PDB file of N, CA and C in Angstrom:
ATOM      1  N   MET A   1      36.849  42.851  91.876  1.00  0.00           N
ATOM      2  CA  MET A   1      37.103  43.178  91.227  1.00  0.00           C
ATOM      3  C   MET A   1      36.853  43.911  89.722  1.00  0.00           C
ATOM      4  N   SER A   2      35.718  43.467  89.417  1.00  0.00           N
ATOM      5  CA  SER A   2      35.093  44.184  88.668  1.00  0.00           C
ATOM      6  C   SER A   2      34.520  45.522  88.810  1.00  0.00           C
ATOM      7  N   ARG A   3      34.130  45.513  90.193  1.00  0.00           N
ATOM      8  CA  ARG A   3      33.949  47.116  90.513  1.00  0.00           C
ATOM      9  C   ARG A   3      34.862  47.589  89.926  1.00  0.00           C
ATOM     10  N   LYS A   4      36.183  47.574  90.417  1.00  0.00           N
ATOM     11  CA  LYS A   4      37.430  48.914  89.922  1.00  0.00           C
ATOM     12  C   LYS A   4      36.821  48.878  88.359  1.00  0.00           C
ATOM     13  N   LYS A   5      36.846  47.909  87.345  1.00  0.00           N
ATOM     14  CA  LYS A   5      37.174  48.314  86.204  1.00  0.00           C
ATOM     15  C   LYS A   5      36.482  48.771  85.621  1.00  0.00           C
ATOM     16  N   VAL A   6      34.744  48.866  86.264  1.00  0.00           N
ATOM     17  CA  VAL A   6      33.716  49.573  86.156  1.00  0.00           C
ATOM     18  C   VAL A   6      33.920  51.185  86.664  1.00  0.00           C
ATOM     19  N   TRP A   7      34.085  51.338  88.071  1.00  0.00           N
ATOM     20  CA  TRP A   7      34.916  52.529  88.210  1.00  0.00           C
ATOM     21  C   TRP A   7      35.937  53.114  87.085  1.00  0.00           C
ATOM     22  N   PHE A   8      36.931  52.667  87.093  1.00  0.00           N
ATOM     23  CA  PHE A   8      37.587  53.529  85.683  1.00  0.00           C
ATOM     24  C   PHE A   8      37.114  53.776  84.796  1.00  0.00           C
ATOM     25  N   LEU A   9      36.194  53.024  83.724  1.00  0.00           N
ATOM     26  CA  LEU A   9      35.871  53.052  82.659  1.00  0.00           C
ATOM     27  C   LEU A   9      35.155  54.305  83.058  1.00  0.00           C
ATOM     28  N   SER A  10      34.091  54.645  83.793  1.00  0.00           N
ATOM     29  CA  SER A  10      33.494  55.558  83.981  1.00  0.00           C
ATOM     30  C   SER A  10      34.220  57.008  84.407  1.00  0.00           C
ATOM     31  N   SER A  11      35.421  56.278  85.215  1.00  0.00           N
ATOM     32  CA  SER A  11      36.062  57.991  85.340  1.00  0.00           C
ATOM     33  C   SER A  11      36.855  58.742  83.985  1.00  0.00           C
ATOM     34  N   ALA A  12      36.971  57.608  82.939  1.00  0.00           N
ATOM     35  CA  ALA A  12      38.032  57.825  81.983  1.00  0.00           C
ATOM     36  C   ALA A  12      36.888  58.739  81.312  1.00  0.00           C
ATOM     37  N   ALA A  13      35.169  58.302  80.969  1.00  0.00           N
ATOM     38  CA  ALA A  13      34.401  58.350  80.422  1.00  0.00           C
ATOM     39  C   ALA A  13      34.142  59.977  80.999  1.00  0.00           C
ATOM     40  N   THR A  14      34.020  60.404  81.924  1.00  0.00           N
ATOM     41  CA  THR A  14      33.695  61.774  82.930  1.00  0.00           C
ATOM     42  C   THR A  14      35.011  62.904  82.443  1.00  0.00           C
ATOM     43  N   VAL A  15      36.264  62.454  82.282  1.00  0.00           N
ATOM     44  CA  VAL A  15      37.322  63.037  82.076  1.00  0.00           C
ATOM     45  C   VAL A  15      37.473  63.565  80.398  1.00  0.00           C
ATOM     46  N   TRP A  16      37.145  62.586  79.598  1.00  0.00           N
ATOM     47  CA  TRP A  16      36.963  62.862  78.268  1.00  0.00           C
ATOM     48  C   TRP A  16      35.664  63.928  77.792  1.00  0.00           C
ATOM     49  N   VAL A  17      34.890  64.022  78.333  1.00  0.00           N
ATOM     50  CA  VAL A  17      33.735  64.608  78.486  1.00  0.00           C
ATOM     51  C   VAL A  17      33.826  66.164  78.640  1.00  0.00           C
ATOM     52  N   ILE A  18      34.988  66.336  80.100  1.00  0.00           N
ATOM     53  CA  ILE A  18      34.922  67.558  80.650  1.00  0.00           C
ATOM     54  C   ILE A  18      35.860  68.071  79.683  1.00  0.00           C
ATOM     55  N   GLY A  19      37.175  67.404  79.166  1.00  0.00           N
ATOM     56  CA  GLY A  19      37.749  67.769  78.041  1.00  0.00           C
ATOM     57  C   GLY A  19      37.252  68.331  76.767  1.00  0.00           C
ATOM     58  N   GLY A  20      36.426  67.496  76.616  1.00  0.00           N
ATOM     59  CA  GLY A  20      35.614  67.757  75.200  1.00  0.00           C
ATOM     60  C   GLY A  20      35.151  69.110  74.874  1.00  0.00           C
ATOM     61  N   ALA A  21      34.583  69.623  76.426  1.00  0.00           N
ATOM     62  CA  ALA A  21      33.824  70.766  76.537  1.00  0.00           C
ATOM     63  C   ALA A  21      35.061  71.815  76.184  1.00  0.00           C
ATOM     64  N   ALA A  22      36.087  72.109  77.121  1.00  0.00           N
ATOM     65  CA  ALA A  22      36.777  73.032  76.683  1.00  0.00           C
ATOM     66  C   ALA A  22      37.640  73.600  75.854  1.00  0.00           C
ATOM     67  N   ALA A  23      37.577  71.883  74.689  1.00  0.00           N
ATOM     68  CA  ALA A  23      38.279  72.657  73.344  1.00  0.00           C
ATOM     69  C   ALA A  23      36.975  72.630  72.588  1.00  0.00           C
ATOM     70  N   ALA A  24      35.911  72.964  72.688  1.00  0.00           N
ATOM     71  CA  ALA A  24      34.438  73.122  71.417  1.00  0.00           C
ATOM     72  C   ALA A  24      34.307  74.806  71.730  1.00  0.00           C
ATOM     73  N   GLN A  25      34.989  75.402  72.432  1.00  0.00           N
ATOM     74  CA  GLN A  25      35.170  77.568  73.039  1.00  0.00           C
ATOM     75  C   GLN A  25      36.097  78.022  71.715  1.00  0.00           C
ATOM     76  N   GLU A  26      36.882  77.138  71.607  1.00  0.00           N
ATOM     77  CA  GLU A  26      38.163  77.682  70.800  1.00  0.00           C
ATOM     78  C   GLU A  26      37.720  77.734  68.959  1.00  0.00           C
ATOM     79  N   THR A  27      37.914  79.127  68.358  1.00  0.00           N
ATOM     80  CA  THR A  27      37.967  78.424  66.963  1.00  0.00           C
ATOM     81  C   THR A  27      39.273  78.618  66.258  1.00  0.00           C
ATOM     82  N   THR A  28      39.642  78.202  65.070  1.00  0.00           N
ATOM     83  CA  THR A  28      40.706  78.224  64.789  1.00  0.00           C
ATOM     84  C   THR A  28      40.271  78.749  63.184  1.00  0.00           C
ATOM     85  N   THR A  29      41.106  79.420  62.199  1.00  0.00           N
ATOM     86  CA  THR A  29      41.030  79.986  61.382  1.00  0.00           C
ATOM     87  C   THR A  29      41.910  79.500  60.576  1.00  0.00           C
ATOM     88  N   TYR A  30      42.313  78.922  59.395  1.00  0.00           N
ATOM     89  CA  TYR A  30      43.217  78.091  58.795  1.00  0.00           C
ATOM     90  C   TYR A  30      43.386  79.132  57.223  1.00  0.00           C
ATOM     91  N   THR A  31      44.640  79.368  56.836  1.00  0.00           N
ATOM     92  CA  THR A  31      45.278  80.315  55.684  1.00  0.00           C
ATOM     93  C   THR A  31      45.487  79.551  55.054  1.00  0.00           C
ATOM     94  N   TYR A  32      46.012  79.678  53.249  1.00  0.00           N
ATOM     95  CA  TYR A  32      46.640  78.758  52.797  1.00  0.00           C
ATOM     96  C   TYR A  32      46.592  79.298  51.126  1.00  0.00           C
ATOM     97  N   ASP A  33      47.654  79.059  50.408  1.00  0.00           N
ATOM     98  CA  ASP A  33      48.238  79.384  49.530  1.00  0.00           C
ATOM     99  C   ASP A  33      47.073  79.257  48.127  1.00  0.00           C
ATOM    100  N   ALA A  34      48.118  79.587  46.830  1.00  0.00           N
ATOM    101  CA  ALA A  34      47.239  79.411  45.817  1.00  0.00           C
ATOM    102  C   ALA A  34      47.104  77.958  45.512  1.00  0.00           C
ATOM    103  N   LEU A  35      48.373  77.071  45.750  1.00  0.00           N
ATOM    104  CA  LEU A  35      48.638  75.919  45.595  1.00  0.00           C
ATOM    105  C   LEU A  35      47.833  75.094  47.020  1.00  0.00           C
ATOM    106  N   GLY A  36      47.223  75.553  47.591  1.00  0.00           N
ATOM    107  CA  GLY A  36      45.691  75.023  48.434  1.00  0.00           C
ATOM    108  C   GLY A  36      46.994  74.465  49.883  1.00  0.00           C
ATOM    109  N   ARG A  37      48.157  74.596  50.005  1.00  0.00           N
ATOM    110  CA  ARG A  37      49.153  74.459  51.282  1.00  0.00           C
ATOM    111  C   ARG A  37      49.099  75.521  52.238  1.00  0.00           C
ATOM    112  N   LEU A  38      48.405  74.967  53.662  1.00  0.00           N
ATOM    113  CA  LEU A  38      48.145  75.530  54.787  1.00  0.00           C
ATOM    114  C   LEU A  38      49.406  76.532  55.050  1.00  0.00           C
ATOM    115  N   THR A  39      49.285  77.431  55.290  1.00  0.00           N
ATOM    116  CA  THR A  39      50.265  78.528  55.473  1.00  0.00           C
ATOM    117  C   THR A  39      50.164  79.398  56.615  1.00  0.00           C
ATOM    118  N   GLY A  40      48.883  78.706  57.171  1.00  0.00           N
ATOM    119  CA  GLY A  40      48.905  79.684  58.680  1.00  0.00           C
ATOM    120  C   GLY A  40      47.676  79.803  59.363  1.00  0.00           C
ATOM    121  N   SER A  41      47.385  78.927  60.991  1.00  0.00           N
ATOM    122  CA  SER A  41      46.474  79.256  61.529  1.00  0.00           C
ATOM    123  C   SER A  41      46.565  80.499  62.595  1.00  0.00           C
ATOM    124  N   SER A  42      45.654  80.625  63.296  1.00  0.00           N
ATOM    125  CA  SER A  42      45.063  81.237  64.385  1.00  0.00           C
ATOM    126  C   SER A  42      44.238  80.822  65.224  1.00  0.00           C
ATOM    127  N   ILE A  43      44.219  80.935  66.486  1.00  0.00           N
ATOM    128  CA  ILE A  43      43.087  80.120  67.133  1.00  0.00           C
ATOM    129  C   ILE A  43      42.411  81.057  68.628  1.00  0.00           C
ATOM    130  N   SER A  44      41.367  81.038  68.610  1.00  0.00           N
ATOM    131  CA  SER A  44      40.861  82.233  69.334  1.00  0.00           C
ATOM    132  C   SER A  44      39.818  81.687  70.439  1.00  0.00           C
ATOM    133  N   GLY A  45      39.647  81.971  71.778  1.00  0.00           N
ATOM    134  CA  GLY A  45      38.437  81.334  72.941  1.00  0.00           C
ATOM    135  C   GLY A  45      39.363  80.178  73.119  1.00  0.00           C
ATOM    136  N   GLY A  46      39.181  79.832  74.089  1.00  0.00           N
ATOM    137  CA  GLY A  46      39.638  78.868  75.408  1.00  0.00           C
ATOM    138  C   GLY A  46      41.039  79.060  75.915  1.00  0.00           C
ATOM    139  N   PRO A  47      41.820  78.163  75.784  1.00  0.00           N
ATOM    140  CA  PRO A  47      43.153  78.351  76.742  1.00  0.00           C
ATOM    141  C   PRO A  47      44.425  78.264  75.430  1.00  0.00           C
ATOM    142  N   ASN A  48      43.838  78.412  74.262  1.00  0.00           N
ATOM    143  CA  ASN A  48      45.267  78.422  73.355  1.00  0.00           C
ATOM    144  C   ASN A  48      45.171  80.168  72.141  1.00  0.00           C
ATOM    145  N   THR A  49      44.362  81.244  73.023  1.00  0.00           N
ATOM    146  CA  THR A  49      44.181  82.193  72.799  1.00  0.00           C
ATOM    147  C   THR A  49      45.038  82.791  71.968  1.00  0.00           C
ATOM    148  N   SER A  50      45.190  83.506  70.737  1.00  0.00           N
ATOM    149  CA  SER A  50      46.213  84.062  70.017  1.00  0.00           C
ATOM    150  C   SER A  50      47.140  83.616  69.706  1.00  0.00           C
ATOM    151  N   ARG A  51      47.296  82.011  69.665  1.00  0.00           N
ATOM    152  CA  ARG A  51      48.138  81.033  69.158  1.00  0.00           C
ATOM    153  C   ARG A  51      48.345  81.419  67.629  1.00  0.00           C
ATOM    154  N   VAL A  52      48.973  81.845  67.009  1.00  0.00           N
ATOM    155  CA  VAL A  52      49.315  81.144  65.913  1.00  0.00           C
ATOM    156  C   VAL A  52      50.008  80.677  64.884  1.00  0.00           C
ATOM    157  N   THR A  53      50.248  80.429  63.948  1.00  0.00           N
ATOM    158  CA  THR A  53      51.464  79.304  63.293  1.00  0.00           C
ATOM    159  C   THR A  53      51.407  79.921  61.645  1.00  0.00           C
ATOM    160  N   GLY A  54      53.163  79.267  61.305  1.00  0.00           N
ATOM    161  CA  GLY A  54      53.250  80.004  60.249  1.00  0.00           C
ATOM    162  C   GLY A  54      53.867  79.289  59.229  1.00  0.00           C
ATOM    163  N   THR A  55      53.812  78.758  58.204  1.00  0.00           N
ATOM    164  CA  THR A  55      54.519  77.992  57.126  1.00  0.00           C
ATOM    165  C   THR A  55      55.342  78.933  56.061  1.00  0.00           C
ATOM    166  N   CYS A  56      56.582  78.444  55.851  1.00  0.00           N
ATOM    167  CA  CYS A  56      57.182  79.071  54.627  1.00  0.00           C
ATOM    168  C   CYS A  56      57.679  78.049  53.685  1.00  0.00           C
ATOM    169  N   PHE A  57      57.305  77.965  52.225  1.00  0.00           N
ATOM    170  CA  PHE A  57      57.979  77.348  51.361  1.00  0.00           C
ATOM    171  C   PHE A  57      58.947  78.232  50.387  1.00  0.00           C
ATOM    172  N   ASP A  58      59.875  77.345  49.733  1.00  0.00           N
ATOM    173  CA  ASP A  58      60.943  77.400  48.839  1.00  0.00           C
ATOM    174  C   ASP A  58      60.226  77.586  47.694  1.00  0.00           C
ATOM    175  N   ALA A  59      61.330  77.821  46.515  1.00  0.00           N
ATOM    176  CA  ALA A  59      60.673  77.952  45.550  1.00  0.00           C
ATOM    177  C   ALA A  59      60.330  75.835  44.701  1.00  0.00           C
ATOM    178  N   ALA A  60      60.922  75.619  45.236  1.00  0.00           N
ATOM    179  CA  ALA A  60      60.665  73.991  44.898  1.00  0.00           C
ATOM    180  C   ALA A  60      58.975  73.609  45.852  1.00  0.00           C
ATOM    181  N   GLY A  61      58.860  74.028  46.205  1.00  0.00           N
ATOM    182  CA  GLY A  61      57.700  73.970  46.984  1.00  0.00           C
ATOM    183  C   GLY A  61      58.017  73.126  48.154  1.00  0.00           C
ATOM    184  N   ASN A  62      59.264  73.237  48.929  1.00  0.00           N
ATOM    185  CA  ASN A  62      59.670  72.261  50.136  1.00  0.00           C
ATOM    186  C   ASN A  62      59.346  73.279  51.048  1.00  0.00           C
ATOM    187  N   ARG A  63      59.247  72.580  52.319  1.00  0.00           N
ATOM    188  CA  ARG A  63      58.647  73.266  53.858  1.00  0.00           C
ATOM    189  C   ARG A  63      59.944  74.248  54.405  1.00  0.00           C
ATOM    190  N   THR A  64      60.125  75.206  54.687  1.00  0.00           N
ATOM    191  CA  THR A  64      61.160  75.484  54.932  1.00  0.00           C
ATOM    192  C   THR A  64      61.324  76.581  56.380  1.00  0.00           C
ATOM    193  N   ARG A  65      60.119  76.176  56.814  1.00  0.00           N
ATOM    194  CA  ARG A  65      60.009  76.569  58.519  1.00  0.00           C
ATOM    195  C   ARG A  65      58.413  76.985  58.394  1.00  0.00           C
ATOM    196  N   TYR A  66      58.378  76.398  60.244  1.00  0.00           N
ATOM    197  CA  TYR A  66      57.155  76.355  60.370  1.00  0.00           C
ATOM    198  C   TYR A  66      57.133  77.135  61.592  1.00  0.00           C
ATOM    199  N   ASP A  67      56.611  78.556  62.240  1.00  0.00           N
ATOM    200  CA  ASP A  67      56.133  79.118  63.391  1.00  0.00           C
ATOM    201  C   ASP A  67      55.232  78.824  64.087  1.00  0.00           C
ATOM    202  N   VAL A  68      55.556  78.364  65.446  1.00  0.00           N
ATOM    203  CA  VAL A  68      54.417  78.751  65.945  1.00  0.00           C
ATOM    204  C   VAL A  68      54.752  80.005  67.255  1.00  0.00           C
ATOM    205  N   ALA A  69      53.517  80.922  67.458  1.00  0.00           N
ATOM    206  CA  ALA A  69      53.948  81.772  68.441  1.00  0.00           C
ATOM    207  C   ALA A  69      52.630  82.310  68.867  1.00  0.00           C
ATOM    208  N   THR A  70      52.490  83.533  69.569  1.00  0.00           N
ATOM    209  CA  THR A  70      51.656  84.617  70.499  1.00  0.00           C
ATOM    210  C   THR A  70      51.193  85.371  69.365  1.00  0.00           C
ATOM    211  N   SER A  71      51.816  85.785  68.772  1.00  0.00           N
ATOM    212  CA  SER A  71      52.018  87.548  67.675  1.00  0.00           C
ATOM    213  C   SER A  71      51.967  87.380  66.232  1.00  0.00           C
ATOM    214  N   THR A  72      51.853  87.681  65.593  1.00  0.00           N
ATOM    215  CA  THR A  72      52.165  87.593  64.092  1.00  0.00           C
ATOM    216  C   THR A  72      53.904  87.170  63.735  1.00  0.00           C
ATOM    217  N   PRO A  73      53.794  85.884  63.278  1.00  0.00           N
ATOM    218  CA  PRO A  73      54.570  85.216  63.051  1.00  0.00           C
ATOM    219  C   PRO A  73      55.686  86.073  61.968  1.00  0.00           C
ATOM    220  N   THR A  74      57.183  85.512  61.792  1.00  0.00           N
ATOM    221  CA  THR A  74      57.786  86.638  61.141  1.00  0.00           C
ATOM    222  C   THR A  74      57.322  86.263  59.421  1.00  0.00           C
ATOM    223  N   PRO A  75      57.448  87.356  58.764  1.00  0.00           N
ATOM    224  CA  PRO A  75      56.936  86.771  57.428  1.00  0.00           C
ATOM    225  C   PRO A  75      57.818  86.033  56.349  1.00  0.00           C
ATOM    226  N   CYS A  76      57.263  85.395  55.848  1.00  0.00           N
ATOM    227  CA  CYS A  76      57.755  84.101  54.910  1.00  0.00           C
ATOM    228  C   CYS A  76      59.110  85.085  53.751  1.00  0.00           C
ATOM    229  N   PRO A  77      60.265  84.836  53.846  1.00  0.00           N
ATOM    230  CA  PRO A  77      60.995  85.296  52.451  1.00  0.00           C
ATOM    231  C   PRO A  77      60.779  85.051  50.919  1.00  0.00           C
ATOM    232  N   SER A  78      60.688  86.230  49.949  1.00  0.00           N
ATOM    233  CA  SER A  78      60.090  85.584  48.726  1.00  0.00           C
ATOM    234  C   SER A  78      61.218  84.702  48.064  1.00  0.00           C
ATOM    235  N   PRO A  79      61.250  83.346  47.368  1.00  0.00           N
ATOM    236  CA  PRO A  79      61.911  82.554  47.435  1.00  0.00           C
ATOM    237  C   PRO A  79      62.484  83.342  45.945  1.00  0.00           C
ATOM    238  N   THR A  80      64.003  83.292  46.016  1.00  0.00           N
ATOM    239  CA  THR A  80      64.819  83.505  45.508  1.00  0.00           C
ATOM    240  C   THR A  80      64.755  82.337  44.130  1.00  0.00           C
ATOM    241  N   PRO A  81      64.320  82.642  42.861  1.00  0.00           N
ATOM    242  CA  PRO A  81      64.264  82.063  41.886  1.00  0.00           C
ATOM    243  C   PRO A  81      66.242  81.488  41.132  1.00  0.00           C
ATOM    244  N   THR A  82      66.174  80.226  40.785  1.00  0.00           N
ATOM    245  CA  THR A  82      67.310  79.715  40.769  1.00  0.00           C
ATOM    246  C   THR A  82      67.625  79.685  39.136  1.00  0.00           C
ATOM    247  N   PRO A  83      68.628  80.435  39.023  1.00  0.00           N
ATOM    248  CA  PRO A  83      69.123  80.103  37.650  1.00  0.00           C
ATOM    249  C   PRO A  83      69.201  79.244  36.886  1.00  0.00           C
ATOM    250  N   SER A  84      68.576  79.128  35.702  1.00  0.00           N
ATOM    251  CA  SER A  84      68.699  77.556  35.069  1.00  0.00           C
ATOM    252  C   SER A  84      69.873  77.743  33.379  1.00  0.00           C
ATOM    253  N   PRO A  85      70.584  76.557  33.676  1.00  0.00           N
ATOM    254  CA  PRO A  85      71.627  76.504  32.633  1.00  0.00           C
ATOM    255  C   PRO A  85      71.571  77.380  31.341  1.00  0.00           C
TER     256      PRO A  85
END
């Protein structure tokens, strides 16, 4: 029974090493707005090449949209200011 446990552990380690090698070939670029919030990312290389994301925020700073695409995401609309009373 202990042989099966050792074999299982070594198999898991082999799968982890192979998976780690594939991920190392990707490059992810992140973009941020003036407040330091993540507004987009793009991946090049590896199996996720050309995957891009975009995040939109309203005037209060709430996230209103998160897009994942294989081309340029739809631009965020300019927030409309709310009139004060």
